[in-house]
C-alpha cells in the first residue's frame, strides 16, 4: 500500500462536501454525546467487525481527529497499516498530534473522499463513520467508487451514519447536539438508499443494523465480478 499525498496539509478548500475546522470542540462534543468511557462509540463500531476478518491495511475515510484508528491500533497488531484521510486540514493536524503523543503509528493524510490519492486495491478494510451525510448528493457515488477502487478483492467497508428515529424529549435534545456536533444540514435520511447506491457501485451488502437509536451501520464486500 502506497500513499501518494504530500505530508503538508492545505488550508485551501479541497472538497464541495462539508468540513469541520474546530477539532478540539469536536472532540469535546463527542465526549458529551457519548459520556462515560470516552471510546464507547468507537468500541461499538469496532465490535461490528466479523471475528474472522483478517486485515493487513486499514483506511478510515473522513477520519476526523483520528479516535477510531487510534483505538483500532489496540485491536490490530503493529504490523497492520492504519491510514486515515480527511478533507479538513485542522482535523488532520489534531489527529497527527494525538497519534504522535500516543505513539500509535497511525498515518493521517489530507484528502477528500471523492478523490483519494491512493493506489488501486491497496486496503482490506475501509471505515467511514459519520462522513457520508457531509457529502452533497452528487459526491456520494464518486466517493463510493473511490472506496471500491482502493479496496482489495473481497475487501470490506463498514459505514456508520446518522439515521433519525423517534424518541423521548431527552433523545431529541441529543439529536440537536449531534446536529451541532457536526454542523450537519441534514440526516442521512435512509440507509436503504445508501445500500442501493453501494450495490450500484460494485458492493454486496453483508449486514446492516443499528449502533444505537441515532446511528445505523452497514457492512459490504467488494464484488468479485
Protein backbone atom coordinates (compact mmCIF):
# COMPACT_ATOMS: atom_id res chain seq x y z
CA UNK A 1 0.00 0.00 0.00
CA UNK A 2 1.42 3.37 -1.05
CA UNK A 3 0.05 6.76 0.00
CA UNK A 4 0.73 9.36 -2.67
CA UNK A 5 -0.45 12.52 -0.95
CA UNK A 6 2.08 15.04 0.43
CA UNK A 7 2.79 15.44 4.13
CA UNK A 8 1.89 19.14 4.21
CA UNK A 9 -1.78 19.94 4.79
CA UNK A 10 -3.51 22.74 2.91
CA UNK A 11 -5.89 25.26 4.39
CA UNK A 12 -7.49 25.66 0.95
CA UNK A 13 -10.90 24.07 0.49
CA UNK A 14 -10.40 20.80 -1.41
CA UNK A 15 -13.96 19.45 -1.49
CA UNK A 16 -17.54 20.56 -2.05
CA UNK A 17 -18.51 18.47 0.96
CA UNK A 18 -18.89 19.98 4.42
CA UNK A 19 -15.74 20.01 6.53
CA UNK A 20 -15.16 20.73 10.23
CA UNK A 21 -12.50 23.24 11.27
CA UNK A 22 -12.85 23.11 15.06
CA UNK A 23 -11.28 19.78 16.13
CA UNK A 24 -10.96 20.45 19.87
CA UNK A 25 -14.62 21.42 20.15
CA UNK A 26 -15.50 18.40 18.02
CA UNK A 27 -13.74 16.07 20.46
CA UNK A 28 -15.39 17.77 23.43
CA UNK A 29 -18.86 17.47 21.91
CA UNK A 30 -18.19 13.81 21.09
CA UNK A 31 -17.35 13.16 24.74
CA UNK A 32 -20.54 14.97 25.76
CA UNK A 33 -22.71 12.94 23.39
CA UNK A 34 -21.14 9.64 24.46
CA UNK A 35 -20.23 10.06 28.16
CA UNK A 36 -18.53 7.52 30.38
CA UNK A 37 -15.89 5.60 28.50
CA UNK A 38 -14.54 8.13 26.03
CA UNK A 39 -14.15 5.43 23.39
CA UNK A 40 -17.59 3.87 23.81
CA UNK A 41 -18.82 4.77 20.34
CA UNK A 42 -15.59 3.70 18.65
CA UNK A 43 -15.59 0.41 20.56
CA UNK A 44 -19.17 -0.24 19.44
CA UNK A 45 -18.13 0.35 15.84
CA UNK A 46 -15.10 -1.95 16.04
CA UNK A 47 -17.27 -4.64 17.66
CA UNK A 48 -19.33 -4.76 14.46
CA UNK A 49 -16.41 -6.32 12.56
CA UNK A 50 -16.61 -10.10 11.98
CA UNK A 51 -14.28 -12.06 14.27
CA UNK A 52 -12.97 -14.00 11.28
CA UNK A 53 -11.84 -10.86 9.43
CA UNK A 54 -8.11 -10.74 8.69
CA UNK A 55 -6.59 -7.46 7.54
CA UNK A 56 -3.20 -6.01 6.66
CA UNK A 57 -4.14 -2.48 5.58
CA UNK A 58 -6.97 -0.37 7.03
CA UNK A 59 -8.26 3.00 5.81
CA UNK A 60 -10.61 5.39 7.61
CA UNK A 61 -12.26 7.84 5.19
CA UNK A 62 -13.38 11.02 6.92
CA UNK A 63 -11.31 10.10 9.97
CA UNK A 64 -11.84 13.37 11.83
CA UNK A 65 -9.44 13.66 14.75
CA UNK A 66 -8.46 10.02 14.45
CA UNK A 67 -10.07 8.42 17.51
CA UNK A 68 -11.39 5.34 15.71
CA UNK A 69 -8.00 4.40 14.25
CA UNK A 70 -6.18 5.22 17.47
CA UNK A 71 -8.44 2.75 19.26
CA UNK A 72 -8.13 0.29 16.36
CA UNK A 73 -4.37 0.23 16.96
CA UNK A 74 -5.13 -1.64 20.21
CA UNK A 75 -7.21 -4.17 18.26
CA UNK A 76 -4.84 -4.69 15.35
CA UNK A 77 -1.14 -5.56 15.75
CA UNK A 78 1.58 -3.10 14.83
CA UNK A 79 2.18 -4.92 11.58
CA UNK A 80 -1.22 -3.75 10.32
CA UNK A 81 -1.05 -0.44 8.46
CA UNK A 82 -3.62 2.12 9.64
CA UNK A 83 -4.26 5.19 7.48
CA UNK A 84 -6.80 7.97 7.98
CA UNK A 85 -7.84 10.63 5.48
CA UNK A 86 -9.95 13.73 5.99
CA UNK A 87 -10.58 16.82 3.87
CA UNK A 88 -10.11 19.14 6.85
CA UNK A 89 -6.56 20.35 7.47
CA UNK A 90 -7.27 21.14 11.12
CA UNK A 91 -8.75 17.70 11.83
CA UNK A 92 -5.70 16.01 10.27
CA UNK A 93 -3.30 18.17 12.25
CA UNK A 94 -5.00 17.21 15.51
CA UNK A 95 -5.14 13.52 14.52
CA UNK A 96 -1.40 13.52 13.77
CA UNK A 97 -0.65 15.17 17.10
CA UNK A 98 -2.69 12.60 19.02
CA UNK A 99 -1.05 9.72 17.16
CA UNK A 100 2.41 11.07 17.97
CA UNK A 101 1.54 11.59 21.64
CA UNK A 102 0.21 8.04 21.96
CA UNK A 103 2.98 6.53 19.79
CA UNK A 104 0.22 4.79 17.83
CA UNK A 105 1.96 4.65 14.46
CA UNK A 106 -1.15 5.75 12.55
CA UNK A 107 -0.69 7.72 9.33
CA UNK A 108 -3.02 10.65 8.64
CA UNK A 109 -3.36 12.37 5.27
CA UNK A 110 -5.47 15.24 3.99
CA UNK A 111 -7.70 14.10 1.12
CA UNK A 112 -11.39 14.27 0.12
CA UNK A 113 -13.46 11.10 -0.03
CA UNK A 114 -14.30 11.64 -3.69
CA UNK A 115 -10.64 11.90 -4.80
CA UNK A 116 -8.44 9.58 -2.77
CA UNK A 117 -4.70 9.85 -3.61
CA UNK A 118 -4.24 6.12 -3.01
CA UNK A 119 -3.32 3.16 -5.17
CA UNK A 120 -5.90 0.71 -6.53
CA UNK A 121 -6.59 -2.41 -4.44
CA UNK A 122 -4.43 -1.28 -1.52
CA UNK A 123 -6.69 -1.88 1.53
CA UNK A 124 -8.51 -4.84 3.08
CA UNK A 125 -10.86 -2.81 5.25
CA UNK A 126 -12.42 0.65 5.00
CA UNK A 127 -14.20 2.64 7.69
CA UNK A 128 -16.48 5.59 7.01
CA UNK A 129 -18.15 6.85 10.15
CA UNK A 130 -20.39 9.91 10.27
CA UNK A 131 -18.98 11.13 6.95
CA UNK A 132 -21.46 10.30 4.17
CA UNK A 133 -24.05 12.83 5.33
CA UNK A 134 -21.46 15.60 4.92
CA UNK A 135 -21.39 15.00 1.17
CA UNK A 136 -23.72 16.70 -1.30
CA UNK A 137 -25.67 14.05 -3.18
CA UNK A 138 -23.57 14.17 -6.41
CA UNK A 139 -20.42 13.31 -4.44
CA UNK A 140 -21.83 10.15 -2.83
CA UNK A 141 -21.46 7.90 -5.92
CA UNK A 142 -17.99 9.34 -6.60
CA UNK A 143 -16.94 8.54 -3.02
CA UNK A 144 -18.33 5.00 -3.23
CA UNK A 145 -16.45 4.49 -6.49
CA UNK A 146 -13.25 5.57 -4.76
CA UNK A 147 -13.91 3.13 -1.93
CA UNK A 148 -14.42 0.33 -4.43
CA UNK A 149 -11.23 1.27 -6.29
CA UNK A 150 -8.89 1.24 -3.26
CA UNK A 151 -10.36 -1.96 -1.75
CA UNK A 152 -8.74 -5.30 -2.50
CA UNK A 153 -10.70 -8.26 -3.84
CA UNK A 154 -13.19 -9.34 -1.17
CA UNK A 155 -12.33 -6.29 0.93
CA UNK A 156 -14.92 -4.94 3.38
CA UNK A 157 -16.30 -1.49 4.04
CA UNK A 158 -18.07 -0.54 7.27
CA UNK A 159 -20.20 2.61 7.07
CA UNK A 160 -21.86 4.21 10.10
CA UNK A 161 -24.10 7.21 9.69
CA UNK A 162 -26.97 9.11 11.23
CA UNK A 163 -30.44 7.64 10.96
CA UNK A 164 -33.15 9.78 12.50
CA UNK A 165 -35.67 7.91 14.67
CA UNK A 166 -38.42 8.90 17.08
CA UNK A 167 -37.57 9.17 20.74
CA UNK A 168 -38.07 10.92 24.05
CA UNK A 169 -37.56 14.63 24.65
CA UNK A 170 -34.08 13.94 26.03
CA UNK A 171 -33.24 11.85 22.99
CA UNK A 172 -34.45 14.64 20.72
CA UNK A 173 -32.16 17.00 22.63
CA UNK A 174 -29.29 14.65 21.91
CA UNK A 175 -30.32 14.72 18.24
CA UNK A 176 -29.96 18.50 18.33
CA UNK A 177 -26.50 18.19 19.85
CA UNK A 178 -25.50 15.78 17.09
CA UNK A 179 -26.56 18.36 14.52
CA UNK A 180 -24.42 20.97 16.29
CA UNK A 181 -21.58 18.47 16.75
CA UNK A 182 -21.01 18.08 13.05
CA UNK A 183 -22.54 21.22 11.61
CA UNK A 184 -24.94 18.90 9.80
CA UNK A 185 -27.54 20.29 7.44
CA UNK A 186 -29.44 17.01 7.27
CA UNK A 187 -29.66 13.47 8.49
CA UNK A 188 -28.72 10.61 6.21
CA UNK A 189 -32.39 10.03 5.52
CA UNK A 190 -32.19 6.39 4.51
CA UNK A 191 -29.51 3.74 4.90
CA UNK A 192 -31.63 1.71 2.49
CA UNK A 193 -30.89 4.30 -0.18
CA UNK A 194 -27.20 4.15 0.66
CA UNK A 195 -27.24 0.35 0.45
CA UNK A 196 -28.77 0.58 -3.03
CA UNK A 197 -26.14 3.10 -4.10
CA UNK A 198 -23.41 0.78 -2.87
CA UNK A 199 -24.86 -2.11 -4.86
CA UNK A 200 -24.89 0.10 -7.93
CA UNK A 201 -21.21 0.84 -7.37
CA UNK A 202 -19.92 -2.72 -7.03
CA UNK A 203 -20.60 -3.75 -3.43
CA UNK A 204 -22.51 -6.68 -1.97
CA UNK A 205 -24.31 -5.99 1.30
CA UNK A 206 -23.38 -8.45 4.07
CA UNK A 207 -25.10 -6.98 7.12
CA UNK A 208 -26.86 -3.90 8.41
CA UNK A 209 -28.44 -2.71 11.63
CA UNK A 210 -28.34 -0.14 14.41
CA UNK A 211 -25.41 1.00 16.51
CA UNK A 212 -27.82 2.93 18.72
CA UNK A 213 -31.07 4.90 18.28
CA UNK A 214 -29.38 7.58 16.21
CA UNK A 215 -26.77 5.64 14.26
CA UNK A 216 -27.11 2.83 11.71
CA UNK A 217 -24.44 0.76 10.01
CA UNK A 218 -23.91 -1.45 7.03
CA UNK A 219 -21.07 -3.80 6.09
CA UNK A 220 -20.48 -4.55 2.43
CA UNK A 221 -17.96 -6.55 0.43
CA UNK A 222 -16.29 -5.58 -2.80
CA UNK A 223 -17.94 -7.66 -5.50
CA UNK A 224 -15.74 -10.22 -7.20
CA UNK A 225 -17.36 -9.76 -10.63
